[in-house]
Protein backbone atom coordinates (compact mmCIF):
# COMPACT_ATOMS: atom_id res chain seq x y z
CA MET A 1 -9.23 -21.29 51.76
CA SER A 2 -10.44 -23.30 54.74
CA ASP A 3 -14.13 -23.64 55.50
CA ASP A 4 -13.73 -21.34 58.63
CA LYS A 5 -12.14 -18.66 56.52
CA ILE A 6 -14.92 -19.03 53.87
CA GLU A 7 -17.57 -18.77 56.63
CA GLU A 8 -15.99 -15.53 58.02
CA ALA A 9 -15.92 -14.13 54.41
CA LYS A 10 -19.51 -15.07 53.87
CA ALA A 11 -20.59 -13.50 57.17
CA ALA A 12 -18.97 -10.28 56.21
CA LEU A 13 -20.73 -10.40 52.73
CA ARG A 14 -24.00 -11.24 54.33
CA SER A 15 -23.67 -8.18 56.65
CA ALA A 16 -22.94 -5.82 53.66
CA ALA A 17 -25.65 -7.38 51.47
CA HIS A 18 -28.28 -7.04 54.15
CA ARG A 19 -27.33 -3.33 54.47
CA LYS A 20 -27.29 -2.69 50.67
CA ARG A 21 -30.76 -4.31 50.04
CA ALA A 22 -32.34 -2.54 52.91
CA GLN A 23 -31.17 0.84 51.51
CA PHE A 24 -32.98 0.20 48.33
CA HIS A 25 -36.01 2.37 48.40
CA HIS A 26 -39.40 0.72 48.64
CA SER A 27 -40.84 2.36 45.56
CA LEU A 28 -37.75 1.31 43.48
CA ARG A 29 -37.92 -2.14 44.82
CA THR A 30 -41.51 -2.63 43.61
CA GLU A 31 -40.72 -1.40 40.16
CA ALA A 32 -37.58 -3.65 40.05
CA SER A 33 -39.52 -6.71 41.19
CA ARG A 34 -42.14 -6.09 38.41
CA ALA A 35 -39.34 -5.69 35.90
CA ALA A 36 -37.63 -9.04 37.02
CA ILE A 37 -40.95 -10.90 36.73
CA GLY A 38 -41.34 -9.66 33.23
CA HIS A 39 -37.90 -10.84 32.29
CA PHE A 40 -38.69 -14.19 33.73
CA LEU A 41 -41.98 -14.59 31.82
CA ARG A 42 -40.37 -13.42 28.63
CA ASP A 43 -36.99 -15.22 28.73
CA VAL A 44 -37.17 -18.40 31.03
CA PRO A 45 -38.91 -21.28 29.25
CA LEU A 46 -40.91 -23.67 31.36
CA ALA A 47 -42.23 -26.97 30.16
CA THR A 48 -45.94 -27.70 30.55
CA GLY A 49 -46.46 -29.57 33.86
CA GLU A 50 -43.09 -28.63 35.35
CA THR A 51 -43.44 -28.03 39.06
CA VAL A 52 -42.05 -24.57 40.32
CA ALA A 53 -41.02 -24.03 43.78
CA GLY A 54 -41.50 -20.44 44.55
CA TYR A 55 -41.12 -18.53 47.83
CA TRP A 56 -43.17 -16.11 49.80
CA PRO A 57 -40.97 -12.93 50.07
CA ILE A 58 -40.06 -11.66 53.62
CA ARG A 59 -38.62 -8.41 54.59
CA ASP A 60 -36.98 -6.69 51.56
CA GLU A 61 -36.58 -9.65 49.26
CA LEU A 62 -37.59 -9.22 45.63
CA ASP A 63 -41.28 -9.85 45.66
CA ILE A 64 -42.40 -12.69 43.26
CA LYS A 65 -46.00 -13.11 44.43
CA GLU A 66 -47.31 -11.66 41.27
CA LEU A 67 -45.25 -14.28 39.36
CA ILE A 68 -46.60 -17.10 41.36
CA ALA A 69 -50.20 -15.98 40.63
CA LYS A 70 -49.35 -15.81 36.76
CA LEU A 71 -47.90 -19.29 36.90
CA MET A 72 -50.77 -20.73 38.60
CA ASP A 73 -53.20 -18.95 36.34
CA ALA A 74 -51.37 -20.51 33.47
CA GLY A 75 -51.86 -23.93 34.94
CA GLN A 76 -48.10 -24.37 36.10
CA PRO A 77 -47.93 -26.51 39.27
CA VAL A 78 -46.54 -24.36 42.06
CA CYS A 79 -45.13 -25.30 45.55
CA LEU A 80 -43.98 -23.30 48.43
CA PRO A 81 -41.38 -24.22 51.04
CA VAL A 82 -42.03 -24.72 54.73
CA VAL A 83 -39.32 -24.72 57.39
CA LEU A 84 -39.80 -27.72 59.64
CA GLY A 85 -36.99 -27.12 61.92
CA ASP A 86 -33.32 -26.45 62.37
CA GLU A 87 -31.07 -28.76 60.58
CA GLN A 88 -34.01 -30.13 58.42
CA PRO A 89 -34.61 -29.77 54.72
CA LEU A 90 -37.57 -27.57 53.52
CA GLU A 91 -40.78 -29.35 52.78
CA LEU A 92 -42.20 -28.29 49.46
CA ARG A 93 -45.97 -28.21 49.51
CA LEU A 94 -48.14 -28.00 46.31
CA TRP A 95 -50.26 -24.84 46.31
CA GLN A 96 -53.54 -25.93 44.78
CA GLU A 97 -55.92 -23.51 43.21
CA GLY A 98 -58.27 -21.82 45.82
CA ALA A 99 -56.28 -23.23 48.84
CA PRO A 100 -55.59 -20.69 51.51
CA LEU A 101 -52.04 -20.05 52.81
CA TYR A 102 -50.94 -20.18 56.41
CA GLU A 103 -48.12 -18.80 58.41
CA ALA A 104 -45.12 -21.07 57.91
CA GLY A 105 -42.49 -19.38 60.10
CA PHE A 106 -39.95 -16.59 59.42
CA GLY A 107 -42.97 -14.33 58.10
CA THR A 108 -43.59 -16.60 55.09
CA LEU A 109 -46.92 -18.19 54.03
CA ALA A 110 -47.30 -21.72 52.79
CA PRO A 111 -50.22 -24.28 52.14
CA ASP A 112 -51.49 -26.29 55.04
CA ASP A 113 -50.13 -29.64 56.33
CA GLU A 114 -52.60 -31.58 54.17
CA ALA A 115 -51.15 -30.31 50.91
CA PRO A 116 -49.24 -32.81 48.80
CA ARG A 117 -45.51 -32.82 49.10
CA VAL A 118 -43.61 -32.55 45.74
CA ALA A 119 -40.22 -32.65 44.23
CA PRO A 120 -39.96 -29.51 42.07
CA ASP A 121 -38.34 -29.20 38.53
CA VAL A 122 -37.55 -25.64 39.05
CA ILE A 123 -36.64 -23.80 42.35
CA LEU A 124 -36.98 -20.07 42.42
CA MET A 125 -34.56 -18.96 45.16
CA PRO A 126 -34.35 -15.78 47.19
CA LEU A 127 -30.79 -14.57 48.03
CA LEU A 128 -28.70 -12.09 49.48
CA GLY A 129 -25.97 -11.86 46.93
CA PHE A 130 -24.74 -13.51 43.74
CA ASP A 131 -21.62 -13.30 41.71
CA SER A 132 -20.72 -13.80 37.89
CA ALA A 133 -20.08 -17.55 38.47
CA GLY A 134 -23.47 -18.24 39.72
CA THR A 135 -22.57 -18.62 43.39
CA ARG A 136 -25.50 -17.75 45.65
CA LEU A 137 -25.04 -16.03 49.02
CA GLY A 138 -27.82 -17.29 51.13
CA TYR A 139 -28.85 -16.36 54.73
CA GLY A 140 -26.54 -18.88 56.27
CA GLY A 141 -29.24 -21.28 57.62
CA GLY A 142 -28.48 -23.99 55.12
CA TYR A 143 -32.14 -24.78 54.38
CA TYR A 144 -31.86 -24.82 50.57
CA ASP A 145 -28.43 -26.75 50.80
CA ARG A 146 -30.18 -29.60 52.84
CA THR A 147 -33.26 -29.54 50.62
CA LEU A 148 -31.14 -29.99 47.40
CA ALA A 149 -29.19 -32.80 49.21
CA ALA A 150 -32.32 -34.54 50.06
CA LEU A 151 -34.02 -34.30 46.54
CA SER A 152 -33.65 -37.37 44.25
CA LYS A 153 -33.19 -35.26 41.19
CA ARG A 154 -31.21 -31.86 40.63
CA PRO A 155 -33.92 -29.13 39.79
CA ARG A 156 -33.02 -26.10 37.72
CA LEU A 157 -32.11 -23.34 40.27
CA ILE A 158 -33.12 -19.81 39.39
CA GLY A 159 -31.97 -16.96 41.74
CA PHE A 160 -34.22 -13.87 42.13
CA ALA A 161 -32.54 -10.67 43.21
CA PHE A 162 -32.03 -6.97 42.57
CA ALA A 163 -29.20 -6.13 40.13
CA LEU A 164 -27.57 -4.20 42.95
CA GLN A 165 -27.13 -7.49 44.84
CA GLU A 166 -24.35 -8.71 42.59
CA VAL A 167 -21.05 -9.02 44.20
CA ASP A 168 -17.40 -9.45 42.81
CA HIS A 169 -16.85 -12.91 44.36
CA ILE A 170 -18.48 -15.31 46.80
CA PRO A 171 -16.24 -18.18 48.06
CA ARG A 172 -17.76 -21.52 47.33
CA GLN A 173 -17.74 -24.60 49.58
CA ALA A 174 -18.23 -28.18 48.61
CA HIS A 175 -22.05 -28.18 49.52
CA ASP A 176 -22.82 -24.96 47.66
CA VAL A 177 -24.89 -25.69 44.59
CA PRO A 178 -24.51 -22.86 42.01
CA LEU A 179 -27.45 -21.41 40.36
CA ASP A 180 -28.31 -22.13 36.76
CA MET A 181 -29.78 -18.77 36.20
CA ILE A 182 -30.16 -15.32 37.96
CA VAL A 183 -33.26 -13.09 37.25
CA THR A 184 -32.88 -9.48 38.25
CA ASP A 185 -34.54 -6.24 37.24
CA ALA A 186 -31.66 -5.93 34.62
CA GLY A 187 -32.55 -9.28 32.94
CA VAL A 188 -31.88 -12.90 32.97
CA ARG A 189 -28.38 -14.45 33.01
CA GLN A 190 -27.67 -18.08 32.47
CA PHE A 191 -24.64 -19.69 34.02
CA ASP A 192 -22.76 -22.59 32.36
CA ARG A 193 -23.22 -25.73 34.62
CA LYS A 194 -20.26 -27.53 32.92
CA ALA A 195 -17.96 -24.61 33.66
CA GLN A 196 -19.14 -24.43 37.21
CA ALA A 197 -18.21 -28.11 37.75
CA THR A 198 -14.64 -27.50 36.73
């Protein structure tokens, strides 16, 4: 399939995914977010000192703010992404205990300009859809793709989504880096990186 055809297919998937997620009732969304956080804390091992890149949820994304707080309370280094501009990678800023957060574009919050920049060991990623091969359907801006390409090491990529966001198949392009895991209200699923490379 050509890149143009893949982009067309992804655009259609994005429209459907936006609609489906928006229809998920707020009260159920809150409950599902808590369930996903519980699965992560129980089933996803983190090494002491591993830096985790979280995200500040916008619109109807799965809300991981409680998870970020729990990781920080446990002494796990946490950073948050900042959009610097179109066609640029995200800047990942360490959120130090007690430091305030500021508006960082697109309705997100992040540490201020003086916060240290870090390269994370783990990235928790919001998404619109995912499939059984670990392919992530993002928003189409390419921010995470550019960020991953700019990092000197490949972090573990863990998607966060509601179980209802799973789709049958997402076409993958050369720059699409598959997830290592997906965490949903239904549990944690690990993807085989070796199988993804073939």
